[in-house]
Amino acid sequence: MDNAAVPVSGAGMLLGIRKVSVLIPGIIVFAVAFGAAASAKGMSLIEAMLMSALVYGGVSQLVAMELWRPEWSWGAIIGLAVVTATVNARMILQGASLQPWFAPYSKTLNAWHLFFFTDANWLIGTRYHAEGGRDLGVLIGAGLVLWAVWILFTGLGHLLGALVSDPRAYGIDLVMPIFFAAMIVPLWRGRRAAVPWVVAGIVALVTAKLVDGYAFIIVGSLSGALVGALADDAA
């Protein structure tokens, strides 16, 4: 089927909204957690909502809040940039995996819809494309809804965060690890494919014990990627 012949339809956007609706409750919890964290770090309501609207980084926004400081130096800014870039590096591979689907569409359209591209979009898009679907409206509809939900509930989380002195007491700090754990379940490809995950997890835990800060994110992810690359070469 020729991708170039498939329009971006309203029906496709509605289908994307229906497909992503089951994930919205989890995204709401995630957005509320970010809003609460932003409030705890001293960001205003407008600043937090603008960050969600313009950066729209999901997990990396929560990571950024962990590293947020009342005063900044160039070293702190570079460190924040490196850590968040490492967290978001997964999007490069996710986007590349769907490149054959995206390629026939214009660069302008791809640049626009990729701004709304998230892990949820990727999961939905991967399954939809594997089943023979080609309407890019599915990703656009899902992405727009998730973006709007993310902004709205960032604001709600900020307002709630102002009322909660210690978000950790309510388990909000567990949202990020739970999200990632749930996200990798559909990606299970057997024991051999899980080796890079295990290596990344072990290296990250050891690094976290030995090195202060968030070096464990970078070291763990690079270790897992290296093991995965070596495994592919061996195969």
Protein backbone atom coordinates (compact mmCIF):
# COMPACT_ATOMS: atom_id res chain seq x y z
CA MET A 1 0.00 0.00 0.00
CA ASP A 2 1.42 3.39 -1.00
CA ASN A 3 1.73 5.69 2.01
CA ALA A 4 1.77 8.75 -0.25
CA ALA A 5 -1.77 7.97 -1.41
CA VAL A 6 -3.16 7.98 2.13
CA PRO A 7 -4.54 11.33 3.31
CA VAL A 8 -4.47 12.67 6.85
CA SER A 9 -8.15 12.31 7.67
CA GLY A 10 -10.49 13.42 10.40
CA ALA A 11 -11.57 9.81 10.79
CA GLY A 12 -7.96 8.88 11.43
CA MET A 13 -7.65 11.57 14.11
CA LEU A 14 -10.81 10.30 15.84
CA LEU A 15 -9.42 6.77 15.71
CA GLY A 16 -6.20 8.02 17.32
CA ILE A 17 -8.19 9.69 20.09
CA ARG A 18 -10.11 6.46 20.74
CA LYS A 19 -6.92 4.39 20.78
CA VAL A 20 -5.13 6.70 23.19
CA SER A 21 -8.09 7.18 25.53
CA VAL A 22 -7.16 4.09 27.58
CA LEU A 23 -3.78 5.67 28.36
CA ILE A 24 -5.12 9.05 29.42
CA PRO A 25 -5.65 8.16 33.13
CA GLY A 26 -1.96 7.27 33.44
CA ILE A 27 -0.92 10.46 31.63
CA ILE A 28 -3.11 12.48 34.00
CA VAL A 29 -1.32 11.05 37.03
CA PHE A 30 2.01 11.75 35.36
CA ALA A 31 1.07 15.36 34.54
CA VAL A 32 -0.23 16.00 38.05
CA ALA A 33 3.06 14.67 39.42
CA PHE A 34 5.02 17.10 37.25
CA GLY A 35 2.81 20.02 38.24
CA ALA A 36 3.25 19.20 41.92
CA ALA A 37 7.02 18.88 41.50
CA ALA A 38 7.17 22.22 39.69
CA SER A 39 5.23 23.85 42.50
CA ALA A 40 7.60 22.35 45.08
CA LYS A 41 10.57 23.79 43.16
CA GLY A 42 9.10 27.29 43.21
CA MET A 43 7.85 27.56 39.63
CA SER A 44 4.74 29.65 39.10
CA LEU A 45 1.56 28.18 37.63
CA ILE A 46 2.14 30.01 34.34
CA GLU A 47 5.78 28.88 34.16
CA ALA A 48 4.86 25.24 34.76
CA MET A 49 2.07 25.27 32.16
CA LEU A 50 4.24 27.04 29.59
CA MET A 51 6.96 24.46 30.12
CA SER A 52 4.46 21.68 29.46
CA ALA A 53 3.08 23.47 26.39
CA LEU A 54 6.39 24.46 24.79
CA VAL A 55 8.85 21.83 26.00
CA TYR A 56 6.37 18.94 26.28
CA GLY A 57 9.08 16.55 27.42
CA GLY A 58 7.13 14.22 29.70
CA VAL A 59 9.65 12.16 31.67
CA SER A 60 12.46 14.63 30.99
CA GLN A 61 10.40 17.39 32.61
CA LEU A 62 10.20 15.35 35.82
CA VAL A 63 13.93 14.68 35.62
CA ALA A 64 14.51 18.41 35.10
CA MET A 65 12.52 19.14 38.26
CA GLU A 66 14.75 16.78 40.21
CA LEU A 67 17.77 18.77 39.04
CA TRP A 68 16.12 22.21 39.28
CA ARG A 69 18.00 24.80 41.31
CA PRO A 70 17.11 28.21 42.71
CA GLU A 71 20.34 29.58 41.23
CA TRP A 72 22.03 28.42 38.06
CA SER A 73 25.60 28.13 36.80
CA TRP A 74 26.75 27.16 33.31
CA GLY A 75 27.88 23.80 34.68
CA ALA A 76 24.44 23.12 36.15
CA ILE A 77 22.75 24.09 32.89
CA ILE A 78 25.02 21.81 30.86
CA GLY A 79 24.48 18.96 33.31
CA LEU A 80 20.70 19.37 33.08
CA ALA A 81 20.87 19.46 29.29
CA VAL A 82 22.99 16.30 29.08
CA VAL A 83 20.78 14.30 31.45
CA THR A 84 17.49 15.31 29.83
CA ALA A 85 18.93 14.73 26.35
CA THR A 86 19.95 11.23 27.42
CA VAL A 87 16.44 10.53 28.75
CA ASN A 88 14.91 11.78 25.49
CA ALA A 89 17.36 9.90 23.26
CA ARG A 90 14.90 7.01 23.10
CA MET A 91 12.71 9.20 20.89
CA ILE A 92 15.36 9.07 18.15
CA LEU A 93 15.01 5.30 17.86
CA GLN A 94 11.24 5.40 18.25
CA GLY A 95 10.91 7.93 15.45
CA ALA A 96 13.37 6.02 13.26
CA SER A 97 11.38 2.81 13.66
CA LEU A 98 8.37 4.54 12.08
CA GLN A 99 10.36 6.43 9.43
CA PRO A 100 9.13 4.26 6.53
CA TRP A 101 5.60 5.36 7.43
CA PHE A 102 6.51 9.04 7.85
CA ALA A 103 8.79 9.38 4.83
CA PRO A 104 6.17 9.97 2.08
CA TYR A 105 4.63 12.88 4.00
CA SER A 106 6.01 16.42 3.74
CA LYS A 107 8.80 17.60 6.03
CA THR A 108 6.55 20.39 7.29
CA LEU A 109 3.83 17.96 8.35
CA ASN A 110 6.33 15.59 9.94
CA ALA A 111 8.03 18.41 11.85
CA TRP A 112 4.65 19.52 13.18
CA HIS A 113 3.26 16.15 14.26
CA LEU A 114 6.60 15.00 15.73
CA PHE A 115 6.36 17.85 18.25
CA PHE A 116 3.41 15.91 19.74
CA PHE A 117 5.18 12.54 19.44
CA THR A 118 5.34 10.64 22.74
CA ASP A 119 5.92 7.12 24.02
CA ALA A 120 2.16 6.58 23.93
CA ASN A 121 1.99 7.72 20.28
CA TRP A 122 4.81 5.37 19.43
CA LEU A 123 3.12 2.36 21.01
CA ILE A 124 -0.15 3.16 19.27
CA GLY A 125 1.54 3.96 15.96
CA THR A 126 3.68 0.82 15.97
CA ARG A 127 0.67 -1.45 16.43
CA TYR A 128 -1.53 0.50 14.02
CA HIS A 129 1.14 0.44 11.29
CA ALA A 130 1.87 -3.26 11.86
CA GLU A 131 -1.84 -3.97 11.32
CA GLY A 132 -1.70 -2.20 7.95
CA GLY A 133 -2.89 1.27 8.97
CA ARG A 134 -1.35 4.25 7.19
CA ASP A 135 -3.43 7.32 8.10
CA LEU A 136 -1.10 9.73 9.90
CA GLY A 137 -4.17 11.33 11.44
CA VAL A 138 -4.09 8.55 14.05
CA LEU A 139 -0.83 9.91 15.49
CA ILE A 140 -1.92 13.53 15.14
CA GLY A 141 -5.23 12.99 16.94
CA ALA A 142 -3.62 11.02 19.74
CA GLY A 143 -0.80 13.55 20.07
CA LEU A 144 -3.05 16.61 20.23
CA VAL A 145 -5.27 15.07 22.91
CA LEU A 146 -2.32 14.02 25.05
CA TRP A 147 -0.73 17.46 24.71
CA ALA A 148 -3.91 19.19 25.86
CA VAL A 149 -4.34 16.75 28.76
CA TRP A 150 -0.70 17.21 29.76
CA ILE A 151 -1.04 21.00 29.95
CA LEU A 152 -4.40 20.98 31.74
CA PHE A 153 -3.36 18.53 34.44
CA THR A 154 0.03 20.15 34.87
CA GLY A 155 -1.97 23.15 36.06
CA LEU A 156 -4.11 21.01 38.34
CA GLY A 157 -1.02 19.32 39.75
CA HIS A 158 0.58 22.68 40.44
CA LEU A 159 -2.48 23.84 42.35
CA LEU A 160 -2.62 20.58 44.32
CA GLY A 161 1.13 20.71 44.92
CA ALA A 162 0.76 24.06 46.59
CA LEU A 163 -1.50 22.30 49.12
CA VAL A 164 0.77 19.29 49.63
CA SER A 165 3.91 20.04 51.62
CA ASP A 166 5.57 16.69 50.88
CA PRO A 167 4.52 15.06 47.57
CA ARG A 168 6.69 12.01 48.37
CA ALA A 169 4.39 11.17 51.26
CA TYR A 170 1.67 10.43 48.68
CA GLY A 171 3.91 8.33 46.44
CA ILE A 172 4.15 10.91 43.66
CA ASP A 173 7.88 10.23 43.39
CA LEU A 174 7.03 6.67 42.27
CA VAL A 175 5.14 7.77 39.17
CA MET A 176 8.19 7.91 36.89
CA PRO A 177 9.62 4.43 37.66
CA ILE A 178 6.14 2.88 37.51
CA PHE A 179 5.52 4.54 34.13
CA PHE A 180 8.77 3.20 32.65
CA ALA A 181 8.16 -0.28 34.08
CA ALA A 182 4.70 -0.35 32.48
CA MET A 183 6.01 1.00 29.19
CA ILE A 184 8.55 -1.79 28.67
CA VAL A 185 6.05 -4.63 29.17
CA PRO A 186 4.68 -4.49 25.57
CA LEU A 187 8.28 -4.43 24.31
CA TRP A 188 9.14 -7.86 25.74
CA ARG A 189 10.85 -9.98 23.08
CA GLY A 190 12.12 -12.90 25.12
CA ARG A 191 14.99 -13.52 27.51
CA ARG A 192 17.80 -12.77 25.10
CA ALA A 193 16.39 -9.36 24.20
CA ALA A 194 16.04 -8.57 27.90
CA VAL A 195 19.80 -8.81 28.54
CA PRO A 196 20.47 -5.12 27.68
CA TRP A 197 17.64 -4.08 30.04
CA VAL A 198 19.13 -6.12 32.87
CA VAL A 199 22.63 -4.79 32.26
CA ALA A 200 21.39 -1.20 32.10
CA GLY A 201 19.46 -1.64 35.35
CA ILE A 202 22.36 -3.22 37.24
CA VAL A 203 24.90 -0.66 36.01
CA ALA A 204 22.52 2.20 36.86
CA LEU A 205 21.97 0.87 40.40
CA VAL A 206 25.70 0.41 41.03
CA THR A 207 26.47 3.86 39.63
CA ALA A 208 23.76 5.43 41.79
CA LYS A 209 25.40 3.91 44.86
CA LEU A 210 28.90 5.04 43.92
CA VAL A 211 28.33 8.42 42.28
CA ASP A 212 26.20 11.29 43.53
CA GLY A 213 23.75 12.98 41.19
CA TYR A 214 22.18 11.58 38.04
CA ALA A 215 25.17 10.05 36.29
CA PHE A 216 23.42 6.67 36.68
CA ILE A 217 20.92 7.66 33.99
CA ILE A 218 23.62 8.29 31.40
CA VAL A 219 25.91 5.39 32.41
CA GLY A 220 23.05 2.90 32.64
CA SER A 221 21.49 3.84 29.30
CA LEU A 222 24.82 3.79 27.46
CA SER A 223 25.70 0.41 28.97
CA GLY A 224 22.40 -1.09 27.88
CA ALA A 225 22.74 0.39 24.39
CA LEU A 226 26.28 -1.00 24.03
CA VAL A 227 25.25 -4.49 25.11
CA GLY A 228 22.28 -4.37 22.74
CA ALA A 229 24.51 -3.31 19.82
CA LEU A 230 27.02 -6.10 20.55
CA ALA A 231 24.19 -8.64 20.79
CA ASP A 232 22.84 -7.57 17.40
CA ASP A 233 26.29 -7.88 15.83
CA ALA A 234 26.74 -11.35 17.31
CA ALA A 235 23.39 -12.41 15.92
